Amino acid sequence: MLTDDLIVNERRVNSIVVLELEGDLDAFTVQKVRNSLNEMIEEGIDRIVLNFSKLRYINSTSIGVLVGRLRQIRERGGDMVLAELNARIDRIITLVGGRRLFRIFDTEQKAIEELSGKGEMGGKTEDD
């Protein structure tokens, strides 16, 4: 796809950061997300929800970048989870093995509750 069509909206819910991605996440646009996540990691933010409800496309390069940041965050005792995947994005994440790595929530609210310690240890992985 290779477009510059990606909007990254950042919100904070207490100590959790929600990044809502809108558009196409590909080899060109992933730099925006990489920069945002790198800044958060440097600031010590260790609980992040990636809301994919408005994401139209994602490729394996972008997933690789997200996996790299996930590992950095988990090494610091935090977590980064995915929420609100549409069927197409879910299929791509599954095909590249992302479900084995990321916890995935049906709603942003469930993801926030889980990261804030109010959830019931939910989130689906491929092993579920």
N, C-alpha and C. Protein backbone atom coordinates (compact mmCIF):
# COMPACT_ATOMS: atom_id res chain seq x y z
N MET A 1 0.81 -1.19 0.00
CA MET A 1 0.00 0.00 0.00
C MET A 1 0.86 1.26 0.00
N LEU A 2 1.83 1.34 0.84
CA LEU A 2 2.79 2.45 0.89
C LEU A 2 2.15 3.82 0.68
N THR A 3 1.48 4.28 1.70
CA THR A 3 0.87 5.60 1.68
C THR A 3 1.31 6.36 2.92
N ASP A 4 0.95 7.63 2.97
CA ASP A 4 1.20 8.37 4.20
C ASP A 4 -0.12 8.59 4.93
N ASP A 5 -1.05 7.70 4.67
CA ASP A 5 -2.40 7.83 5.19
C ASP A 5 -2.54 7.11 6.53
N LEU A 6 -1.98 7.70 7.58
CA LEU A 6 -2.13 7.15 8.92
C LEU A 6 -2.26 8.31 9.90
N ILE A 7 -3.30 8.25 10.70
CA ILE A 7 -3.49 9.22 11.76
C ILE A 7 -3.30 8.48 13.08
N VAL A 8 -2.49 9.06 13.96
CA VAL A 8 -2.25 8.47 15.28
C VAL A 8 -2.81 9.43 16.32
N ASN A 9 -3.86 8.99 17.01
CA ASN A 9 -4.46 9.78 18.08
C ASN A 9 -4.03 9.18 19.41
N GLU A 10 -3.49 10.02 20.28
CA GLU A 10 -3.00 9.56 21.58
C GLU A 10 -3.88 10.14 22.69
N ARG A 11 -4.30 9.25 23.59
CA ARG A 11 -5.08 9.65 24.76
C ARG A 11 -4.51 8.97 25.98
N ARG A 12 -4.68 9.61 27.11
CA ARG A 12 -4.26 8.99 28.37
C ARG A 12 -5.49 8.71 29.22
N VAL A 13 -5.52 7.53 29.77
CA VAL A 13 -6.55 7.13 30.71
C VAL A 13 -5.80 6.73 31.97
N ASN A 14 -5.72 7.66 32.91
CA ASN A 14 -4.89 7.50 34.10
C ASN A 14 -3.45 7.26 33.64
N SER A 15 -2.86 6.13 34.00
CA SER A 15 -1.46 5.90 33.62
C SER A 15 -1.32 5.06 32.35
N ILE A 16 -2.43 4.83 31.67
CA ILE A 16 -2.43 4.03 30.45
C ILE A 16 -2.54 4.96 29.24
N VAL A 17 -1.75 4.67 28.22
CA VAL A 17 -1.83 5.44 26.98
C VAL A 17 -2.56 4.60 25.94
N VAL A 18 -3.53 5.23 25.29
CA VAL A 18 -4.26 4.60 24.19
C VAL A 18 -3.82 5.28 22.91
N LEU A 19 -3.32 4.48 21.97
CA LEU A 19 -3.01 4.98 20.64
C LEU A 19 -4.07 4.43 19.70
N GLU A 20 -4.85 5.33 19.13
CA GLU A 20 -5.85 4.93 18.15
C GLU A 20 -5.26 5.18 16.76
N LEU A 21 -5.15 4.11 15.98
CA LEU A 21 -4.56 4.20 14.65
C LEU A 21 -5.66 4.19 13.61
N GLU A 22 -5.61 5.17 12.72
CA GLU A 22 -6.63 5.32 11.70
C GLU A 22 -5.98 5.38 10.32
N GLY A 23 -6.33 4.43 9.46
CA GLY A 23 -5.78 4.42 8.11
C GLY A 23 -4.99 3.16 7.84
N ASP A 24 -3.85 3.33 7.17
CA ASP A 24 -3.02 2.20 6.74
C ASP A 24 -1.70 2.21 7.50
N LEU A 25 -1.36 1.06 8.09
CA LEU A 25 -0.08 0.91 8.79
C LEU A 25 0.80 0.01 7.94
N ASP A 26 1.75 0.63 7.24
CA ASP A 26 2.61 -0.10 6.32
C ASP A 26 4.07 0.31 6.53
N ALA A 27 4.93 -0.13 5.64
CA ALA A 27 6.36 0.14 5.79
C ALA A 27 6.68 1.63 5.80
N PHE A 28 5.85 2.43 5.18
CA PHE A 28 6.08 3.87 5.15
C PHE A 28 5.53 4.57 6.39
N THR A 29 4.30 4.25 6.76
CA THR A 29 3.64 4.96 7.87
C THR A 29 4.04 4.45 9.24
N VAL A 30 4.64 3.27 9.32
CA VAL A 30 4.97 2.70 10.63
C VAL A 30 5.94 3.59 11.41
N GLN A 31 6.68 4.44 10.72
CA GLN A 31 7.62 5.33 11.40
C GLN A 31 6.92 6.23 12.42
N LYS A 32 5.70 6.68 12.11
CA LYS A 32 4.93 7.50 13.06
C LYS A 32 4.68 6.74 14.36
N VAL A 33 4.28 5.50 14.22
CA VAL A 33 3.97 4.68 15.39
C VAL A 33 5.26 4.34 16.14
N ARG A 34 6.31 3.99 15.40
CA ARG A 34 7.60 3.70 16.01
C ARG A 34 8.08 4.88 16.85
N ASN A 35 8.00 6.08 16.29
CA ASN A 35 8.44 7.27 17.02
C ASN A 35 7.62 7.50 18.28
N SER A 36 6.30 7.36 18.17
CA SER A 36 5.43 7.53 19.34
C SER A 36 5.75 6.52 20.43
N LEU A 37 5.90 5.26 20.04
CA LEU A 37 6.20 4.22 21.03
C LEU A 37 7.58 4.41 21.63
N ASN A 38 8.56 4.80 20.83
CA ASN A 38 9.90 5.05 21.37
C ASN A 38 9.88 6.16 22.41
N GLU A 39 9.14 7.23 22.12
CA GLU A 39 9.03 8.34 23.08
C GLU A 39 8.38 7.87 24.38
N MET A 40 7.35 7.06 24.26
CA MET A 40 6.68 6.55 25.46
C MET A 40 7.61 5.67 26.28
N ILE A 41 8.35 4.81 25.62
CA ILE A 41 9.29 3.94 26.32
C ILE A 41 10.34 4.78 27.04
N GLU A 42 10.86 5.81 26.37
CA GLU A 42 11.85 6.69 26.99
C GLU A 42 11.27 7.43 28.20
N GLU A 43 9.97 7.75 28.15
CA GLU A 43 9.31 8.44 29.25
C GLU A 43 8.93 7.49 30.39
N GLY A 44 9.12 6.20 30.19
CA GLY A 44 8.78 5.23 31.21
C GLY A 44 7.33 4.76 31.17
N ILE A 45 6.62 5.09 30.12
CA ILE A 45 5.24 4.62 29.98
C ILE A 45 5.30 3.13 29.63
N ASP A 46 4.61 2.32 30.42
CA ASP A 46 4.74 0.88 30.21
C ASP A 46 3.40 0.15 30.09
N ARG A 47 2.32 0.90 29.92
CA ARG A 47 1.02 0.27 29.70
C ARG A 47 0.33 1.00 28.54
N ILE A 48 0.23 0.28 27.42
CA ILE A 48 -0.23 0.89 26.18
C ILE A 48 -1.30 0.01 25.53
N VAL A 49 -2.36 0.66 25.07
CA VAL A 49 -3.41 -0.01 24.29
C VAL A 49 -3.32 0.53 22.86
N LEU A 50 -3.21 -0.37 21.90
CA LEU A 50 -3.28 0.01 20.49
C LEU A 50 -4.69 -0.31 20.01
N ASN A 51 -5.46 0.73 19.74
CA ASN A 51 -6.83 0.57 19.27
C ASN A 51 -6.82 0.55 17.75
N PHE A 52 -7.21 -0.59 17.19
CA PHE A 52 -7.17 -0.79 15.74
C PHE A 52 -8.56 -0.64 15.10
N SER A 53 -9.53 -0.06 15.79
CA SER A 53 -10.90 -0.01 15.27
C SER A 53 -11.00 0.74 13.94
N LYS A 54 -10.10 1.69 13.69
CA LYS A 54 -10.15 2.47 12.45
C LYS A 54 -8.99 2.14 11.51
N LEU A 55 -8.28 1.06 11.82
CA LEU A 55 -7.16 0.65 10.97
C LEU A 55 -7.69 -0.13 9.78
N ARG A 56 -7.29 0.26 8.57
CA ARG A 56 -7.76 -0.41 7.35
C ARG A 56 -6.80 -1.50 6.88
N TYR A 57 -5.52 -1.33 7.18
CA TYR A 57 -4.50 -2.22 6.61
C TYR A 57 -3.29 -2.26 7.54
N ILE A 58 -2.67 -3.42 7.64
CA ILE A 58 -1.41 -3.57 8.37
C ILE A 58 -0.59 -4.61 7.62
N ASN A 59 0.74 -4.42 7.58
CA ASN A 59 1.59 -5.41 6.91
C ASN A 59 2.56 -6.03 7.91
N SER A 60 3.28 -7.04 7.47
CA SER A 60 4.17 -7.78 8.37
C SER A 60 5.32 -6.93 8.88
N THR A 61 5.80 -5.98 8.10
CA THR A 61 6.85 -5.08 8.57
C THR A 61 6.37 -4.29 9.78
N SER A 62 5.17 -3.78 9.70
CA SER A 62 4.60 -3.01 10.80
C SER A 62 4.40 -3.88 12.04
N ILE A 63 3.93 -5.09 11.84
CA ILE A 63 3.75 -6.00 12.97
C ILE A 63 5.09 -6.29 13.62
N GLY A 64 6.13 -6.45 12.81
CA GLY A 64 7.48 -6.66 13.35
C GLY A 64 7.94 -5.51 14.22
N VAL A 65 7.65 -4.28 13.80
CA VAL A 65 8.00 -3.11 14.61
C VAL A 65 7.24 -3.15 15.93
N LEU A 66 5.95 -3.48 15.88
CA LEU A 66 5.15 -3.54 17.11
C LEU A 66 5.67 -4.63 18.05
N VAL A 67 6.05 -5.77 17.50
CA VAL A 67 6.60 -6.86 18.32
C VAL A 67 7.88 -6.41 19.00
N GLY A 68 8.74 -5.70 18.29
CA GLY A 68 9.97 -5.19 18.89
C GLY A 68 9.70 -4.28 20.07
N ARG A 69 8.72 -3.39 19.93
CA ARG A 69 8.38 -2.48 21.03
C ARG A 69 7.70 -3.24 22.16
N LEU A 70 6.89 -4.24 21.82
CA LEU A 70 6.26 -5.07 22.85
C LEU A 70 7.31 -5.72 23.73
N ARG A 71 8.35 -6.25 23.13
CA ARG A 71 9.42 -6.90 23.91
C ARG A 71 10.11 -5.90 24.83
N GLN A 72 10.39 -4.70 24.32
CA GLN A 72 11.02 -3.67 25.16
C GLN A 72 10.14 -3.33 26.35
N ILE A 73 8.86 -3.17 26.10
CA ILE A 73 7.92 -2.80 27.16
C ILE A 73 7.80 -3.93 28.18
N ARG A 74 7.72 -5.16 27.73
CA ARG A 74 7.61 -6.29 28.67
C ARG A 74 8.89 -6.49 29.47
N GLU A 75 10.03 -6.19 28.87
CA GLU A 75 11.29 -6.27 29.62
C GLU A 75 11.30 -5.31 30.80
N ARG A 76 10.53 -4.25 30.70
CA ARG A 76 10.44 -3.25 31.77
C ARG A 76 9.26 -3.53 32.71
N GLY A 77 8.62 -4.66 32.52
CA GLY A 77 7.51 -5.04 33.40
C GLY A 77 6.15 -4.52 32.97
N GLY A 78 6.06 -3.96 31.77
CA GLY A 78 4.79 -3.42 31.29
C GLY A 78 4.15 -4.34 30.27
N ASP A 79 3.18 -3.79 29.57
CA ASP A 79 2.51 -4.55 28.52
C ASP A 79 1.91 -3.60 27.49
N MET A 80 1.81 -4.08 26.29
CA MET A 80 1.14 -3.38 25.21
C MET A 80 0.15 -4.37 24.60
N VAL A 81 -1.11 -3.98 24.53
CA VAL A 81 -2.15 -4.89 24.06
C VAL A 81 -2.86 -4.28 22.85
N LEU A 82 -3.57 -5.13 22.13
CA LEU A 82 -4.33 -4.69 20.96
C LEU A 82 -5.82 -4.75 21.28
N ALA A 83 -6.57 -3.83 20.70
CA ALA A 83 -8.02 -3.80 20.93
C ALA A 83 -8.76 -3.46 19.65
N GLU A 84 -9.96 -4.01 19.55
CA GLU A 84 -10.93 -3.68 18.50
C GLU A 84 -10.41 -3.93 17.08
N LEU A 85 -9.90 -5.13 16.87
CA LEU A 85 -9.45 -5.51 15.53
C LEU A 85 -10.64 -5.88 14.66
N ASN A 86 -10.67 -5.36 13.44
CA ASN A 86 -11.70 -5.82 12.51
C ASN A 86 -11.26 -7.17 11.94
N ALA A 87 -12.15 -7.82 11.21
CA ALA A 87 -11.87 -9.18 10.73
C ALA A 87 -10.63 -9.23 9.84
N ARG A 88 -10.45 -8.25 8.99
CA ARG A 88 -9.30 -8.26 8.07
C ARG A 88 -7.98 -8.12 8.84
N ILE A 89 -7.92 -7.18 9.77
CA ILE A 89 -6.70 -6.97 10.55
C ILE A 89 -6.43 -8.19 11.42
N ASP A 90 -7.48 -8.75 12.02
CA ASP A 90 -7.33 -9.94 12.85
C ASP A 90 -6.74 -11.09 12.04
N ARG A 91 -7.22 -11.26 10.82
CA ARG A 91 -6.72 -12.33 9.95
C ARG A 91 -5.22 -12.15 9.66
N ILE A 92 -4.81 -10.92 9.38
CA ILE A 92 -3.40 -10.65 9.10
C ILE A 92 -2.55 -10.90 10.34
N ILE A 93 -2.99 -10.40 11.48
CA ILE A 93 -2.26 -10.62 12.74
C ILE A 93 -2.11 -12.12 13.00
N THR A 94 -3.18 -12.87 12.78
CA THR A 94 -3.15 -14.31 13.00
C THR A 94 -2.19 -15.00 12.04
N LEU A 95 -2.22 -14.63 10.77
CA LEU A 95 -1.36 -15.26 9.76
C LEU A 95 0.12 -15.11 10.06
N VAL A 96 0.51 -13.97 10.63
CA VAL A 96 1.93 -13.75 10.90
C VAL A 96 2.33 -14.16 12.32
N GLY A 97 1.41 -14.79 13.05
CA GLY A 97 1.74 -15.29 14.38
C GLY A 97 1.62 -14.28 15.50
N GLY A 98 1.00 -13.15 15.23
CA GLY A 98 0.87 -12.11 16.25
C GLY A 98 0.01 -12.49 17.43
N ARG A 99 -0.91 -13.41 17.25
CA ARG A 99 -1.78 -13.83 18.36
C ARG A 99 -1.01 -14.59 19.43
N ARG A 100 0.14 -15.13 19.10
CA ARG A 100 0.95 -15.81 20.11
C ARG A 100 1.68 -14.82 21.00
N LEU A 101 1.79 -13.59 20.54
CA LEU A 101 2.57 -12.59 21.27
C LEU A 101 1.72 -11.54 21.96
N PHE A 102 0.72 -11.05 21.27
CA PHE A 102 -0.10 -9.96 21.81
C PHE A 102 -1.35 -10.49 22.50
N ARG A 103 -1.74 -9.82 23.57
CA ARG A 103 -3.06 -10.06 24.12
C ARG A 103 -4.00 -9.14 23.35
N ILE A 104 -5.14 -9.68 22.95
CA ILE A 104 -6.08 -8.96 22.10
C ILE A 104 -7.44 -8.91 22.79
N PHE A 105 -8.01 -7.70 22.83
CA PHE A 105 -9.28 -7.48 23.51
C PHE A 105 -10.33 -7.02 22.51
N ASP A 106 -11.57 -7.44 22.77
CA ASP A 106 -12.68 -7.05 21.90
C ASP A 106 -12.95 -5.56 21.96
N THR A 107 -12.78 -4.96 23.14
CA THR A 107 -13.06 -3.53 23.29
C THR A 107 -11.88 -2.82 23.95
N GLU A 108 -11.78 -1.55 23.66
CA GLU A 108 -10.76 -0.72 24.29
C GLU A 108 -10.96 -0.69 25.80
N GLN A 109 -12.21 -0.61 26.24
CA GLN A 109 -12.51 -0.55 27.66
C GLN A 109 -11.99 -1.79 28.39
N LYS A 110 -12.20 -2.97 27.82
CA LYS A 110 -11.70 -4.21 28.44
C LYS A 110 -10.18 -4.18 28.53
N ALA A 111 -9.53 -3.68 27.50
CA ALA A 111 -8.07 -3.59 27.50
C ALA A 111 -7.59 -2.65 28.61
N ILE A 112 -8.24 -1.51 28.73
CA ILE A 112 -7.87 -0.54 29.77
C ILE A 112 -8.08 -1.14 31.15
N GLU A 113 -9.21 -1.80 31.35
CA GLU A 113 -9.49 -2.43 32.65
C GLU A 113 -8.42 -3.46 32.98
N GLU A 114 -8.03 -4.25 32.01
CA GLU A 114 -7.00 -5.27 32.24
C GLU A 114 -5.67 -4.63 32.62
N LEU A 115 -5.26 -3.62 31.88
CA LEU A 115 -3.97 -2.99 32.16
C LEU A 115 -3.98 -2.20 33.46
N SER A 116 -5.16 -1.79 33.90
CA SER A 116 -5.24 -1.04 35.16
C SER A 116 -5.43 -1.96 36.35
N GLY A 117 -5.47 -3.27 36.09
CA GLY A 117 -5.60 -4.23 37.18
C GLY A 117 -7.03 -4.51 37.58
N LYS A 118 -8.00 -4.01 36.83
CA LYS A 118 -9.41 -4.21 37.16
C LYS A 118 -10.05 -5.30 36.32
N GLY A 119 -9.28 -5.87 35.42
CA GLY A 119 -9.82 -6.90 34.54
C GLY A 119 -9.75 -8.27 35.18
N GLU A 120 -10.13 -9.25 34.41
CA GLU A 120 -10.13 -10.63 34.89
C GLU A 120 -9.09 -11.45 34.15
N MET A 121 -7.92 -10.85 33.89
CA MET A 121 -6.85 -11.51 33.14
C MET A 121 -7.38 -12.04 31.81
N GLY A 122 -8.02 -11.17 31.09
CA GLY A 122 -8.61 -11.53 29.81
C GLY A 122 -7.64 -11.30 28.67
N GLY A 123 -8.20 -11.18 27.52
CA GLY A 123 -7.39 -11.00 26.33
C GLY A 123 -7.15 -12.35 25.69
N LYS A 124 -7.36 -12.41 24.41
CA LYS A 124 -7.22 -13.67 23.70
C LYS A 124 -5.86 -13.75 23.04
N THR A 125 -5.27 -14.90 23.13
CA THR A 125 -4.07 -15.20 22.35
C THR A 125 -4.38 -16.45 21.55
N GLU A 126 -3.47 -16.83 20.70
CA GLU A 126 -3.69 -18.02 19.87
C GLU A 126 -3.81 -19.27 20.73
N ASP A 127 -3.20 -19.25 21.91
CA ASP A 127 -3.23 -20.42 22.78
C ASP A 127 -4.56 -20.58 23.49
N ASP A 128 -5.43 -19.55 23.44
CA ASP A 128 -6.72 -19.61 24.14
C ASP A 128 -7.71 -20.46 23.39
